[in-house]
Amino acid sequence: MKKLTLITLAAMILIGCFSACASEAAFEAFNPQEESPAPQNPFEMAGMPAPFEYSGGDDDAGFYDAYVSIFISCPLSIMDSFADHLGMDRMEFVESYHDKFGRGFWVAITKNYIMETINPYSIIIAYDIPNEIVAEAIRKHNEIYDDFAIRFKDEGYKDYKYTDAEIKALLSRDAATVTEQFATEYAIVIGDKIYTPVWLYLNTPEEYERAGITPEMMEEKLALYAEFALTDEAREAFEEKLSEHMGHEVSIDRR
């Protein structure tokens, strides 16, 4: 999974290359609380304990994020290309797609269809951005990160370029293809639907079955779920759901 180091993130913020990521701090900076009050906490709504004692950073990303980091927001360089095509400035475009897709962190983590959250694909489809505009925007984005690698003498910047496979998936305009390509290793993908660990945590075994999630699919992910630093209370509650679904006792204790 591609992760941001502190140095890389600082450089991105200073140079203005990436839009706000799905962290609470970045979200609040982009969407002031008085304009966008937080919705009710979904853990409370689901009757589940908060999963982590302390939340935030890469340690929790696999629990919350459906997609790899390059896909959980739209890079500013690509956003600007799309905005220019649509005859908008950047902030008009940001306001427009936030109105379409919602603003809150919880909106993103509780959805399981690619068109329900802000990402490059959903923007491409929602605004019917032509493939030639998409391809040129990605080319410019990749050139920026090649330049960063040279300027900062750090080849790690090239990790934030879109690969040929990722570009091909986006240009296919097929939701299932894009979902499979950009899903994290922690997520369960079924066609054009994606189910994160937090979705499993919030939902019931009956809802797993309705989604088409099989015990075999879950079995493939259990070792990864043991990586999460869940509180004892959260781990036990999650294990109870997973055990009921799989028909045998499940342990995801990382110790």
Protein backbone atom coordinates (compact mmCIF):
# COMPACT_ATOMS: atom_id res chain seq x y z
CA MET A 1 0.00 0.00 0.00
CA LYS A 2 1.30 3.44 -0.86
CA LYS A 3 1.72 5.55 2.27
CA LEU A 4 2.69 9.18 2.83
CA THR A 5 5.77 9.90 4.90
CA LEU A 6 5.77 13.08 6.95
CA ILE A 7 8.41 14.60 4.69
CA THR A 8 6.46 13.76 1.56
CA LEU A 9 3.23 15.07 3.04
CA ALA A 10 4.86 18.32 4.08
CA ALA A 11 6.23 18.82 0.59
CA MET A 12 2.83 18.12 -0.93
CA ILE A 13 1.16 20.69 1.30
CA LEU A 14 3.77 23.34 0.61
CA ILE A 15 3.70 22.84 -3.14
CA GLY A 16 -0.06 22.37 -3.28
CA CYS A 17 -0.19 19.11 -5.16
CA PHE A 18 -2.76 17.08 -3.25
CA SER A 19 -6.22 17.95 -2.01
CA ALA A 20 -7.17 17.27 1.58
CA CYS A 21 -6.96 13.60 2.48
CA ALA A 22 -9.53 11.73 4.53
CA SER A 23 -8.06 12.60 7.89
CA GLU A 24 -10.01 14.61 10.43
CA ALA A 25 -7.48 17.44 10.50
CA ALA A 26 -7.34 17.80 6.74
CA PHE A 27 -11.10 17.52 6.48
CA GLU A 28 -11.65 20.30 9.03
CA ALA A 29 -9.14 22.52 7.25
CA PHE A 30 -10.96 22.07 3.95
CA ASN A 31 -14.47 22.13 5.44
CA PRO A 32 -14.85 24.38 8.51
CA GLN A 33 -17.02 22.90 11.25
CA GLU A 34 -19.48 25.76 11.22
CA GLU A 35 -20.22 25.04 7.56
CA SER A 36 -20.26 21.24 7.82
CA PRO A 37 -21.19 19.83 11.24
CA ALA A 38 -20.10 16.25 11.86
CA PRO A 39 -22.86 13.64 11.53
CA GLN A 40 -23.67 11.23 14.35
CA ASN A 41 -20.86 8.82 15.14
CA PRO A 42 -21.55 5.56 13.25
CA PHE A 43 -19.93 3.42 15.97
CA GLU A 44 -22.51 4.66 18.45
CA MET A 45 -25.26 4.11 15.89
CA ALA A 46 -24.10 0.51 15.32
CA GLY A 47 -23.71 -0.20 19.04
CA MET A 48 -19.98 -0.84 18.61
CA PRO A 49 -17.10 0.57 20.69
CA ALA A 50 -14.70 3.01 19.06
CA PRO A 51 -12.11 0.74 17.43
CA PHE A 52 -8.94 2.53 18.53
CA GLU A 53 -7.80 4.22 21.70
CA TYR A 54 -6.00 6.79 19.59
CA SER A 55 -7.02 7.31 15.98
CA GLY A 56 -5.15 8.71 13.03
CA GLY A 57 -2.18 8.09 10.76
CA ASP A 58 -1.05 5.18 8.64
CA ASP A 59 -1.66 2.61 11.39
CA ASP A 60 -5.42 3.03 11.00
CA ALA A 61 -5.55 3.62 7.24
CA GLY A 62 -6.06 -0.02 6.34
CA PHE A 63 -9.05 -0.23 8.67
CA TYR A 64 -10.81 2.79 7.18
CA ASP A 65 -9.65 3.26 3.60
CA ALA A 66 -11.32 1.40 0.76
CA TYR A 67 -8.73 2.53 -1.77
CA VAL A 68 -4.98 3.06 -1.98
CA SER A 69 -3.76 6.53 -1.08
CA ILE A 70 -3.44 7.80 -4.65
CA PHE A 71 -7.18 7.21 -5.08
CA ILE A 72 -8.76 8.54 -1.87
CA SER A 73 -8.78 12.12 -3.13
CA CYS A 74 -8.26 13.90 -6.42
CA PRO A 75 -4.76 15.40 -6.88
CA LEU A 76 -4.85 19.15 -7.39
CA SER A 77 -3.10 18.96 -10.75
CA ILE A 78 -5.77 16.58 -12.07
CA MET A 79 -8.56 18.54 -10.39
CA ASP A 80 -7.36 21.72 -12.12
CA SER A 81 -7.32 20.02 -15.52
CA PHE A 82 -10.88 18.81 -14.99
CA ALA A 83 -12.01 22.23 -13.72
CA ASP A 84 -10.48 23.95 -16.78
CA HIS A 85 -12.33 21.53 -19.05
CA LEU A 86 -15.60 22.34 -17.27
CA GLY A 87 -15.00 26.09 -17.28
CA MET A 88 -14.69 26.32 -13.49
CA ASP A 89 -11.99 27.56 -11.18
CA ARG A 90 -10.60 25.20 -8.55
CA MET A 91 -12.82 26.25 -5.65
CA GLU A 92 -15.97 26.21 -7.77
CA PHE A 93 -15.11 22.67 -8.79
CA VAL A 94 -14.37 21.62 -5.20
CA GLU A 95 -17.69 23.02 -4.01
CA SER A 96 -19.48 21.35 -6.90
CA TYR A 97 -18.17 17.85 -6.26
CA HIS A 98 -18.57 18.15 -2.50
CA ASP A 99 -22.22 18.98 -3.14
CA LYS A 100 -22.48 15.81 -5.25
CA PHE A 101 -20.64 13.41 -2.97
CA GLY A 102 -20.80 14.84 0.54
CA ARG A 103 -18.10 16.24 2.77
CA GLY A 104 -17.72 14.09 5.83
CA PHE A 105 -15.13 11.47 6.73
CA TRP A 106 -17.88 9.12 7.90
CA VAL A 107 -19.62 9.42 4.53
CA ALA A 108 -16.58 7.85 2.88
CA ILE A 109 -15.96 5.00 5.31
CA THR A 110 -19.54 3.75 5.42
CA LYS A 111 -20.08 3.59 1.64
CA ASN A 112 -19.18 0.59 -0.50
CA TYR A 113 -19.79 1.74 -4.09
CA ILE A 114 -17.13 3.67 -5.95
CA MET A 115 -19.58 6.33 -7.15
CA GLU A 116 -20.60 7.21 -3.58
CA THR A 117 -17.31 8.84 -2.57
CA ILE A 118 -14.90 11.43 -3.94
CA ASN A 119 -12.19 9.84 -6.06
CA PRO A 120 -10.80 10.41 -9.56
CA TYR A 121 -13.12 7.82 -11.13
CA SER A 122 -16.35 9.10 -9.58
CA ILE A 123 -15.45 12.62 -10.69
CA ILE A 124 -14.64 11.43 -14.22
CA ILE A 125 -17.98 9.68 -14.52
CA ALA A 126 -20.12 12.25 -12.70
CA TYR A 127 -18.83 15.07 -14.91
CA ASP A 128 -18.37 12.95 -18.05
CA ILE A 129 -14.73 13.97 -18.45
CA PRO A 130 -13.52 12.69 -21.86
CA ASN A 131 -10.72 10.12 -21.86
CA GLU A 132 -8.37 12.44 -23.73
CA ILE A 133 -8.71 15.02 -20.93
CA VAL A 134 -8.21 12.30 -18.29
CA ALA A 135 -5.11 10.93 -20.02
CA GLU A 136 -3.55 14.38 -20.41
CA ALA A 137 -4.31 15.30 -16.78
CA ILE A 138 -2.65 12.11 -15.53
CA ARG A 139 0.35 12.71 -17.81
CA LYS A 140 0.83 16.16 -16.28
CA HIS A 141 0.40 14.73 -12.77
CA ASN A 142 3.06 12.08 -13.41
CA GLU A 143 5.44 14.69 -14.81
CA ILE A 144 5.07 16.72 -11.61
CA TYR A 145 6.18 13.75 -9.51
CA ASP A 146 9.06 12.98 -11.84
CA ASP A 147 10.11 16.60 -11.31
CA PHE A 148 9.73 16.26 -7.54
CA ALA A 149 11.96 13.18 -7.58
CA ILE A 150 14.66 15.20 -9.33
CA ARG A 151 14.16 18.42 -7.36
CA PHE A 152 14.18 16.77 -3.95
CA LYS A 153 16.56 13.95 -4.92
CA ASP A 154 14.03 11.39 -3.69
CA GLU A 155 12.86 8.55 -5.94
CA GLY A 156 10.04 7.93 -3.47
CA TYR A 157 8.00 10.65 -5.15
CA LYS A 158 7.58 8.36 -8.12
CA ASP A 159 5.41 6.13 -5.93
CA TYR A 160 2.69 8.77 -6.32
CA LYS A 161 2.57 8.48 -10.08
CA TYR A 162 -0.21 6.53 -11.75
CA THR A 163 1.01 3.26 -13.22
CA ASP A 164 0.14 2.04 -16.71
CA ALA A 165 -2.28 -0.48 -15.17
CA GLU A 166 -3.98 2.23 -13.11
CA ILE A 167 -4.31 4.53 -16.12
CA LYS A 168 -5.73 1.69 -18.22
CA ALA A 169 -8.28 0.94 -15.51
CA LEU A 170 -9.41 4.57 -15.28
CA LEU A 171 -9.71 4.89 -19.04
CA SER A 172 -11.81 1.72 -19.14
CA ARG A 173 -14.53 3.71 -17.33
CA ASP A 174 -15.65 0.39 -15.79
CA ALA A 175 -16.51 0.55 -12.10
CA ALA A 176 -15.59 -3.07 -11.32
CA THR A 177 -12.23 -2.80 -13.09
CA VAL A 178 -11.35 0.42 -11.28
CA THR A 179 -12.51 -0.89 -7.90
CA GLU A 180 -10.36 -4.01 -8.21
CA GLN A 181 -7.34 -2.01 -9.37
CA PHE A 182 -7.39 0.61 -6.60
CA ALA A 183 -8.71 -1.41 -3.64
CA THR A 184 -6.46 -1.80 -0.61
CA GLU A 185 -5.26 -5.25 0.35
CA TYR A 186 -7.53 -5.12 3.41
CA ALA A 187 -10.76 -4.61 1.48
CA ILE A 188 -13.03 -7.33 0.12
CA VAL A 189 -14.05 -6.60 -3.48
CA ILE A 190 -17.12 -8.13 -5.10
CA GLY A 191 -17.64 -6.79 -8.60
CA ASP A 192 -18.07 -3.03 -8.31
CA LYS A 193 -18.64 -3.12 -4.54
CA ILE A 194 -15.96 -2.80 -1.88
CA TYR A 195 -16.14 -3.72 1.79
CA THR A 196 -13.55 -2.29 4.19
CA PRO A 197 -12.71 -3.65 7.65
CA VAL A 198 -14.64 -0.72 9.15
CA TRP A 199 -17.71 -1.64 7.08
CA LEU A 200 -17.48 -5.19 8.41
CA TYR A 201 -17.00 -3.82 11.91
CA LEU A 202 -20.11 -1.64 11.67
CA ASN A 203 -22.39 -4.16 9.98
CA THR A 204 -23.82 -7.55 10.95
CA PRO A 205 -23.12 -11.11 9.74
CA GLU A 206 -26.54 -11.05 8.08
CA GLU A 207 -25.47 -7.99 6.12
CA TYR A 208 -22.23 -9.76 5.16
CA GLU A 209 -24.31 -12.55 3.64
CA ARG A 210 -26.60 -10.16 1.80
CA ALA A 211 -23.50 -8.49 0.31
CA GLY A 212 -22.26 -11.86 -0.95
CA ILE A 213 -19.24 -12.01 1.38
CA THR A 214 -18.33 -15.65 1.95
CA PRO A 215 -16.38 -17.17 4.86
CA GLU A 216 -13.65 -18.02 2.34
CA MET A 217 -13.29 -14.36 1.36
CA MET A 218 -13.08 -13.43 5.02
CA GLU A 219 -10.52 -16.13 5.75
CA GLU A 220 -8.12 -14.53 3.29
CA LYS A 221 -8.20 -11.26 5.26
CA LEU A 222 -8.02 -12.40 8.89
CA ALA A 223 -4.23 -12.26 9.17
CA LEU A 224 -4.32 -8.69 7.86
CA TYR A 225 -7.03 -7.68 10.34
CA ALA A 226 -4.77 -8.86 13.16
CA GLU A 227 -2.44 -5.97 12.27
CA PHE A 228 -4.89 -3.38 13.60
CA ALA A 229 -4.27 -1.99 17.08
CA LEU A 230 -7.90 -2.42 18.14
CA THR A 231 -8.81 -1.94 21.76
CA ASP A 232 -9.57 -5.18 23.63
CA GLU A 233 -13.26 -4.30 23.69
CA ALA A 234 -13.35 -3.54 19.96
CA ARG A 235 -11.37 -6.66 19.06
CA GLU A 236 -13.71 -8.90 21.03
CA ALA A 237 -16.79 -7.31 19.46
CA PHE A 238 -15.31 -7.70 15.96
CA GLU A 239 -14.25 -11.29 16.63
CA GLU A 240 -17.78 -12.13 17.72
CA LYS A 241 -19.20 -10.96 14.40
CA LEU A 242 -16.52 -12.67 12.33
CA SER A 243 -16.90 -15.92 14.28
CA GLU A 244 -20.66 -15.95 13.75
CA HIS A 245 -20.22 -15.41 10.02
CA MET A 246 -17.48 -18.00 9.59
CA GLY A 247 -19.07 -20.69 11.77
CA HIS A 248 -16.07 -21.15 14.05
CA GLU A 249 -14.18 -19.17 16.66
CA VAL A 250 -12.01 -16.48 15.13
CA SER A 251 -9.08 -14.68 16.76
CA ILE A 252 -7.57 -11.49 15.37
CA ASP A 253 -5.36 -10.78 18.37
CA ARG A 254 -2.13 -9.20 17.11
CA ARG A 255 -0.18 -10.22 20.23
